[in-house]
Amino acid sequence: MPPVIDAHAHFLPESLVSALRSRSDAPDIRREPDGGESFGIYRTRMPYGRTYDALDARLSRMEELGVDRQILSLPGLFGIDSRPAPQALPLVRAFNDGIADLVRRHPERFSGIAALPLADLHVAQEEYRRVRGDLGLSGMILPGDAFVSVAAAERVRPLFELAATIGGLVFVHPGPLPNGTGSAVDAPAPHTDSVVHRRVTVDIQNRMTEVMVTLALTDFLAPYPSVPVQVANLGGSLPFVIERMDHVYALRHPEAPPPSLSLRSLYVDAASLGPRAIALAAEVYGADRVLFGSDYPVFDDGRCLDAVRRSKLSPDERALIAGGNAAAMLART
């Protein structure tokens, strides 16, 4: 049987949970009047539960769904890695050390990628050298807001140069930059919660589309052919709008190749998307570039895996997406 690998899953080691519970402002975990807990992230609070940190429950859930391996990362939208470096460094080190210990204890079930203190690129590079040399983690997670333009991406180029030298994948996940400003959807709005959530969903996908324009449709990644790059959420809405881009180029730049023929080879994960979107992404990027990902426990991993299985693709293509492609990506790290 081919493997089933969840390439986009989150977990919080106990050392990081303890550190967050000791904080008085976001990012933090605090007790609520109803007896539950909430997680303070960079633009809101959300319920916090043991699905984030209970290892036995995580392994049982994987067994229930038939998931062989998860690639674990720090939730990028929580903004932990974008705090000022003196705050971020002990938190990301708690995460990196805890995940490395988890991988050592369960090497057949988990891989881990590092979080970095992004407000100070020198410190971030030193931490990446540590996690590769001492901890053996498989790569790094970077925030999507770092790639909304080529100019923005230049700031994190040293991390790609380092990955090209010492190895590891780069996972681009929705998330803020240090000292970044939110969009209009971050502010209170005179709408119902359901409308706000819909706007946030669109906003996140729009930002990830901008990420793909930078990473898949420019030469930014050309110097780093050895670095596997994974973009969350199927690369935003690019599969839907790529034909419009081709149409624009046919009218205004007929001498240039259409964007659909210029896509740089990246991996995209299907976290939170459905079977029709997965099939379209496989058609645009190639079935060998799409990964099963769940964004668990933020999203429903069972529903995400079912979306892969219900996509109108061949059995071989579904097997690649369910785990074959992630295995190939990990082999490159």
Protein backbone atom coordinates (compact mmCIF):
# COMPACT_ATOMS: atom_id res chain seq x y z
CA MET A 1 0.00 0.00 0.00
CA PRO A 2 1.34 3.49 -0.84
CA PRO A 3 1.85 5.73 2.20
CA VAL A 4 -0.60 8.35 3.40
CA ILE A 5 1.31 11.45 4.53
CA ASP A 6 -0.28 14.59 5.92
CA ALA A 7 2.12 17.28 4.73
CA HIS A 8 0.40 20.13 6.58
CA ALA A 9 -0.30 19.37 10.25
CA HIS A 10 0.36 21.30 13.44
CA PHE A 11 1.36 20.22 16.93
CA LEU A 12 2.46 22.06 20.06
CA PRO A 13 5.03 20.35 22.32
CA GLU A 14 4.40 20.57 26.05
CA SER A 15 7.39 22.89 26.57
CA LEU A 16 5.86 25.46 24.21
CA VAL A 17 2.39 25.05 25.74
CA SER A 18 3.85 25.78 29.18
CA ALA A 19 5.64 28.86 27.88
CA LEU A 20 2.48 30.17 26.24
CA ARG A 21 0.44 29.62 29.41
CA SER A 22 2.94 31.75 31.32
CA ARG A 23 2.52 34.74 28.99
CA SER A 24 0.15 37.64 29.70
CA ASP A 25 -0.40 38.78 26.12
CA ALA A 26 -0.63 37.19 22.68
CA PRO A 27 0.68 34.76 21.72
CA ASP A 28 -0.62 33.08 24.87
CA ILE A 29 -2.91 30.38 26.22
CA ARG A 30 -5.26 31.45 28.98
CA ARG A 31 -8.11 30.03 31.03
CA GLU A 32 -11.57 31.37 30.20
CA PRO A 33 -14.47 31.89 32.65
CA ASP A 34 -16.26 28.83 31.29
CA GLY A 35 -13.32 26.62 32.29
CA GLY A 36 -11.99 26.17 28.77
CA GLU A 37 -8.87 27.71 27.32
CA SER A 38 -8.26 30.11 24.45
CA PHE A 39 -5.26 30.78 22.24
CA GLY A 40 -4.33 34.41 21.66
CA ILE A 41 -2.96 34.84 18.16
CA TYR A 42 -1.85 37.93 16.34
CA ARG A 43 -5.31 39.15 15.37
CA THR A 44 -7.90 37.30 17.46
CA ARG A 45 -8.49 34.59 20.06
CA MET A 46 -9.59 31.08 19.26
CA PRO A 47 -10.53 28.03 21.34
CA TYR A 48 -7.60 25.92 22.50
CA GLY A 49 -7.93 22.19 23.11
CA ARG A 50 -5.84 19.08 23.62
CA THR A 51 -5.95 18.22 19.91
CA TYR A 52 -2.97 20.56 19.64
CA ASP A 53 -0.75 18.84 22.21
CA ALA A 54 -2.04 15.36 23.21
CA LEU A 55 0.29 12.84 21.58
CA ASP A 56 -1.71 9.69 22.36
CA ALA A 57 -4.84 11.24 20.89
CA ARG A 58 -2.88 12.33 17.81
CA LEU A 59 -1.51 8.84 17.19
CA SER A 60 -4.96 7.32 17.70
CA ARG A 61 -6.46 9.76 15.22
CA MET A 62 -3.80 8.94 12.63
CA GLU A 63 -4.46 5.23 13.14
CA GLU A 64 -8.21 5.77 12.76
CA LEU A 65 -7.80 7.61 9.44
CA GLY A 66 -4.98 5.47 8.09
CA VAL A 67 -2.45 8.32 8.08
CA ASP A 68 1.07 6.90 8.19
CA ARG A 69 3.02 10.13 8.80
CA GLN A 70 2.48 13.78 9.59
CA ILE A 71 4.89 16.60 8.78
CA LEU A 72 4.55 18.82 11.84
CA SER A 73 4.93 22.59 11.89
CA LEU A 74 4.13 25.55 14.12
CA PRO A 75 0.79 27.14 13.11
CA GLY A 76 1.91 30.10 11.02
CA LEU A 77 -1.19 32.24 11.50
CA PHE A 78 -0.58 32.28 15.26
CA GLY A 79 2.23 34.80 14.71
CA ILE A 80 4.63 33.29 17.26
CA ASP A 81 7.59 33.45 14.90
CA SER A 82 6.87 37.07 13.95
CA ARG A 83 7.18 38.47 17.47
CA PRO A 84 10.29 40.55 18.31
CA ALA A 85 13.28 38.23 18.33
CA PRO A 86 13.87 38.27 22.13
CA GLN A 87 10.28 37.03 22.59
CA ALA A 88 10.19 34.71 19.59
CA LEU A 89 13.50 32.90 20.06
CA PRO A 90 12.69 31.03 23.30
CA LEU A 91 9.23 30.13 21.96
CA VAL A 92 10.44 28.78 18.62
CA ARG A 93 13.28 26.93 20.34
CA ALA A 94 10.77 25.29 22.66
CA PHE A 95 8.83 24.23 19.58
CA ASN A 96 11.88 23.04 17.63
CA ASP A 97 13.36 21.07 20.52
CA GLY A 98 10.02 19.51 21.39
CA ILE A 99 9.22 18.48 17.83
CA ALA A 100 12.73 17.08 17.34
CA ASP A 101 12.25 14.95 20.47
CA LEU A 102 8.89 13.75 19.14
CA VAL A 103 10.48 12.81 15.80
CA ARG A 104 13.27 10.93 17.59
CA ARG A 105 10.73 8.93 19.60
CA HIS A 106 8.44 8.24 16.63
CA PRO A 107 10.60 8.46 13.50
CA GLU A 108 8.20 6.31 11.49
CA ARG A 109 5.19 8.56 12.25
CA PHE A 110 6.44 12.14 12.27
CA SER A 111 8.71 14.55 10.46
CA GLY A 112 9.23 18.09 11.70
CA ILE A 113 10.03 21.48 10.25
CA ALA A 114 11.45 24.37 12.24
CA ALA A 115 10.03 27.72 13.21
CA LEU A 116 12.45 30.65 13.14
CA PRO A 117 12.59 34.07 14.89
CA LEU A 118 11.91 36.07 11.75
CA ALA A 119 12.36 39.57 13.17
CA ASP A 120 16.14 39.03 13.16
CA LEU A 121 17.41 37.21 10.07
CA HIS A 122 20.87 36.65 11.58
CA VAL A 123 19.37 34.91 14.60
CA ALA A 124 16.98 33.02 12.31
CA GLN A 125 19.89 31.68 10.26
CA GLU A 126 21.72 30.60 13.40
CA GLU A 127 18.64 28.78 14.63
CA TYR A 128 18.22 27.04 11.28
CA ARG A 129 21.83 25.87 11.38
CA ARG A 130 21.13 24.48 14.85
CA VAL A 131 17.96 22.62 13.88
CA ARG A 132 19.60 21.09 10.83
CA GLY A 133 22.89 20.22 12.45
CA ASP A 134 21.82 19.26 15.97
CA LEU A 135 18.15 18.36 15.66
CA GLY A 136 17.87 16.99 12.13
CA LEU A 137 14.57 18.71 11.31
CA SER A 138 13.40 18.61 7.69
CA GLY A 139 13.10 22.29 6.87
CA MET A 140 11.55 25.61 7.88
CA ILE A 141 8.16 27.32 7.82
CA LEU A 142 7.93 30.89 6.51
CA PRO A 143 4.94 33.28 6.48
CA GLY A 144 3.02 33.88 3.28
CA ASP A 145 3.15 37.65 3.79
CA ALA A 146 6.90 37.46 3.08
CA PHE A 147 6.10 36.64 -0.56
CA VAL A 148 3.35 39.04 -1.54
CA SER A 149 5.91 40.69 -3.84
CA VAL A 150 9.41 39.96 -5.08
CA ALA A 151 10.64 42.99 -3.14
CA ALA A 152 9.20 41.56 0.08
CA ALA A 153 10.71 38.16 -0.65
CA GLU A 154 14.20 39.63 -0.94
CA ARG A 155 14.26 40.00 2.84
CA VAL A 156 14.12 36.23 3.35
CA ARG A 157 16.43 35.32 0.46
CA PRO A 158 19.28 34.53 2.91
CA LEU A 159 17.16 31.69 4.32
CA PHE A 160 16.80 30.14 0.85
CA GLU A 161 20.54 30.49 0.32
CA LEU A 162 21.11 28.71 3.62
CA ALA A 163 18.66 25.93 2.74
CA ALA A 164 20.44 25.46 -0.58
CA THR A 165 23.69 25.01 1.36
CA ILE A 166 22.64 22.80 4.29
CA GLY A 167 19.40 21.30 2.96
CA GLY A 168 15.78 21.25 3.98
CA LEU A 169 12.41 22.21 2.54
CA VAL A 170 10.67 25.58 2.77
CA PHE A 171 6.98 25.50 3.72
CA VAL A 172 5.14 28.75 2.97
CA HIS A 173 2.07 29.04 5.19
CA PRO A 174 -0.38 31.91 5.70
CA GLY A 175 1.07 34.17 8.35
CA PRO A 176 2.23 37.69 9.20
CA LEU A 177 5.61 39.32 8.91
CA PRO A 178 7.31 40.89 11.93
CA ASN A 179 5.84 44.37 12.43
CA GLY A 180 3.42 43.60 9.62
CA THR A 181 0.06 45.27 9.34
CA GLY A 182 -3.16 43.38 8.87
CA SER A 183 -5.70 43.91 6.14
CA ALA A 184 -9.17 45.32 6.56
CA VAL A 185 -10.52 41.93 7.57
CA ASP A 186 -8.38 42.03 10.70
CA ALA A 187 -10.35 44.89 12.19
CA PRO A 188 -13.79 44.65 13.81
CA ALA A 189 -16.47 44.93 11.14
CA PRO A 190 -20.21 45.59 11.32
CA HIS A 191 -21.04 42.13 10.02
CA THR A 192 -22.05 38.82 11.48
CA ASP A 193 -19.30 36.38 12.40
CA SER A 194 -20.22 34.23 9.42
CA VAL A 195 -19.57 37.09 6.99
CA VAL A 196 -16.27 37.95 8.68
CA HIS A 197 -15.13 34.33 8.40
CA ARG A 198 -16.01 34.31 4.71
CA ARG A 199 -14.00 37.46 4.13
CA VAL A 200 -11.04 36.08 6.06
CA THR A 201 -11.14 32.92 3.94
CA VAL A 202 -11.04 34.98 0.74
CA ASP A 203 -8.31 37.22 2.13
CA ILE A 204 -6.08 34.27 3.00
CA GLN A 205 -6.55 32.69 -0.43
CA ASN A 206 -5.84 36.02 -2.14
CA ARG A 207 -2.58 36.38 -0.22
CA MET A 208 -1.54 32.84 -1.11
CA THR A 209 -2.25 33.63 -4.77
CA GLU A 210 0.17 36.54 -4.49
CA VAL A 211 2.69 34.12 -2.95
CA MET A 212 2.39 31.88 -6.02
CA VAL A 213 2.89 34.79 -8.40
CA THR A 214 6.17 35.52 -6.64
CA LEU A 215 7.40 31.95 -6.27
CA ALA A 216 5.95 30.18 -9.32
CA LEU A 217 5.84 32.96 -11.92
CA THR A 218 9.10 34.88 -11.36
CA ASP A 219 12.77 33.92 -11.26
CA PHE A 220 13.07 34.35 -7.48
CA LEU A 221 13.57 30.59 -6.93
CA ALA A 222 15.81 30.03 -9.96
CA PRO A 223 19.05 29.96 -7.90
CA TYR A 224 17.67 27.25 -5.58
CA PRO A 225 16.71 24.19 -7.66
CA SER A 226 17.70 21.85 -4.84
CA VAL A 227 15.30 23.40 -2.29
CA PRO A 228 11.83 21.82 -2.21
CA VAL A 229 9.18 24.50 -1.72
CA GLN A 230 5.67 23.75 -0.46
CA VAL A 231 2.90 26.36 -0.59
CA ALA A 232 -0.22 25.90 1.52
CA ASN A 233 -3.85 25.96 0.41
CA LEU A 234 -3.26 24.87 -3.21
CA GLY A 235 -1.41 28.10 -3.88
CA GLY A 236 -4.50 30.23 -3.28
CA SER A 237 -6.72 30.86 -6.29
CA LEU A 238 -4.03 30.55 -8.95
CA PRO A 239 -5.49 27.40 -10.59
CA PHE A 240 -8.74 29.31 -11.12
CA VAL A 241 -7.20 32.52 -12.54
CA ILE A 242 -4.27 31.15 -14.57
CA GLU A 243 -6.36 31.01 -17.76
CA ARG A 244 -7.24 34.68 -17.32
CA MET A 245 -3.53 35.44 -17.00
CA ASP A 246 -2.94 33.54 -20.26
CA HIS A 247 -5.70 35.58 -21.92
CA VAL A 248 -4.14 38.86 -20.74
CA TYR A 249 -0.74 37.81 -22.06
CA ALA A 250 -2.19 36.77 -25.43
CA LEU A 251 -3.61 40.29 -25.82
CA ARG A 252 -0.85 42.42 -24.30
CA HIS A 253 2.33 40.33 -24.49
CA PRO A 254 1.81 37.98 -27.46
CA GLU A 255 5.55 37.53 -27.84
CA ALA A 256 5.90 36.07 -24.33
CA PRO A 257 5.04 32.52 -23.26
CA PRO A 258 1.72 32.31 -21.43
CA PRO A 259 1.99 32.10 -17.64
CA SER A 260 0.54 28.59 -17.62
CA LEU A 261 3.63 27.41 -19.52
CA SER A 262 5.99 29.29 -17.18
CA LEU A 263 4.92 27.82 -13.85
CA ARG A 264 7.90 26.92 -11.74
CA SER A 265 7.61 23.48 -10.15
CA LEU A 266 6.50 23.78 -6.53
CA TYR A 267 4.52 21.55 -4.22
CA VAL A 268 1.11 22.76 -3.10
CA ASP A 269 -0.91 21.18 -0.31
CA ALA A 270 -4.66 20.72 -0.35
CA ALA A 271 -5.32 21.78 3.25
CA SER A 272 -8.99 22.75 3.76
CA LEU A 273 -9.83 22.57 0.03
CA GLY A 274 -12.34 20.23 -1.59
CA PRO A 275 -12.29 17.53 -4.29
CA ARG A 276 -13.09 19.84 -7.21
CA ALA A 277 -10.31 22.26 -6.24
CA ILE A 278 -7.86 19.37 -5.85
CA ALA A 279 -8.69 18.04 -9.32
CA LEU A 280 -8.22 21.50 -10.84
CA ALA A 281 -4.91 21.99 -9.04
CA ALA A 282 -3.69 18.61 -10.31
CA GLU A 283 -4.61 19.65 -13.85
CA VAL A 284 -2.80 22.99 -13.59
CA TYR A 285 0.29 22.04 -11.54
CA GLY A 286 0.47 18.31 -12.29
CA ALA A 287 -0.74 15.52 -10.02
CA ASP A 288 2.88 14.97 -8.97
CA ARG A 289 3.01 18.44 -7.33
CA VAL A 290 -0.10 18.26 -5.10
CA LEU A 291 0.08 17.04 -1.49
CA PHE A 292 -2.54 15.84 0.96
CA GLY A 293 -2.55 18.28 3.84
CA SER A 294 -5.12 18.86 6.55
CA ASP A 295 -4.08 21.91 8.61
CA TYR A 296 -5.10 19.69 11.55
CA PRO A 297 -6.27 20.46 14.20
CA VAL A 298 -7.42 23.82 12.82
CA PHE A 299 -9.34 21.93 10.11
CA ASP A 300 -10.92 18.46 9.91
CA ASP A 301 -8.25 16.00 8.76
CA GLY A 302 -10.80 13.32 7.93
CA ARG A 303 -12.70 15.63 5.63
CA CYS A 304 -9.45 16.72 3.96
CA LEU A 305 -8.35 13.15 3.30
CA ASP A 306 -11.81 12.28 2.01
CA ALA A 307 -11.54 15.21 -0.42
CA VAL A 308 -8.45 13.63 -1.97
CA ARG A 309 -10.20 10.28 -2.28
CA ARG A 310 -13.34 11.83 -3.82
CA SER A 311 -11.49 13.94 -6.37
CA LYS A 312 -12.14 12.87 -9.96
CA LEU A 313 -8.60 11.72 -10.56
CA SER A 314 -7.15 8.33 -11.42
CA PRO A 315 -6.21 5.92 -8.62
CA ASP A 316 -2.53 6.49 -9.39
CA GLU A 317 -2.94 10.27 -9.18
CA ARG A 318 -4.83 10.02 -5.89
CA ALA A 319 -2.07 7.78 -4.48
CA LEU A 320 0.55 10.37 -5.41
CA ILE A 321 -1.41 13.13 -3.70
CA ALA A 322 -2.23 11.02 -0.63
CA GLY A 323 1.41 10.36 0.15
CA GLY A 324 3.67 9.53 -2.76
CA ASN A 325 4.53 13.13 -3.51
CA ALA A 326 5.23 13.99 0.13
CA ALA A 327 7.53 10.98 0.40
CA ALA A 328 9.44 12.22 -2.65
CA MET A 329 9.63 15.73 -1.19
CA LEU A 330 10.95 14.46 2.15
CA ALA A 331 13.55 12.36 0.33
CA ARG A 332 14.99 15.59 -1.06
CA THR A 333 15.60 17.02 2.42
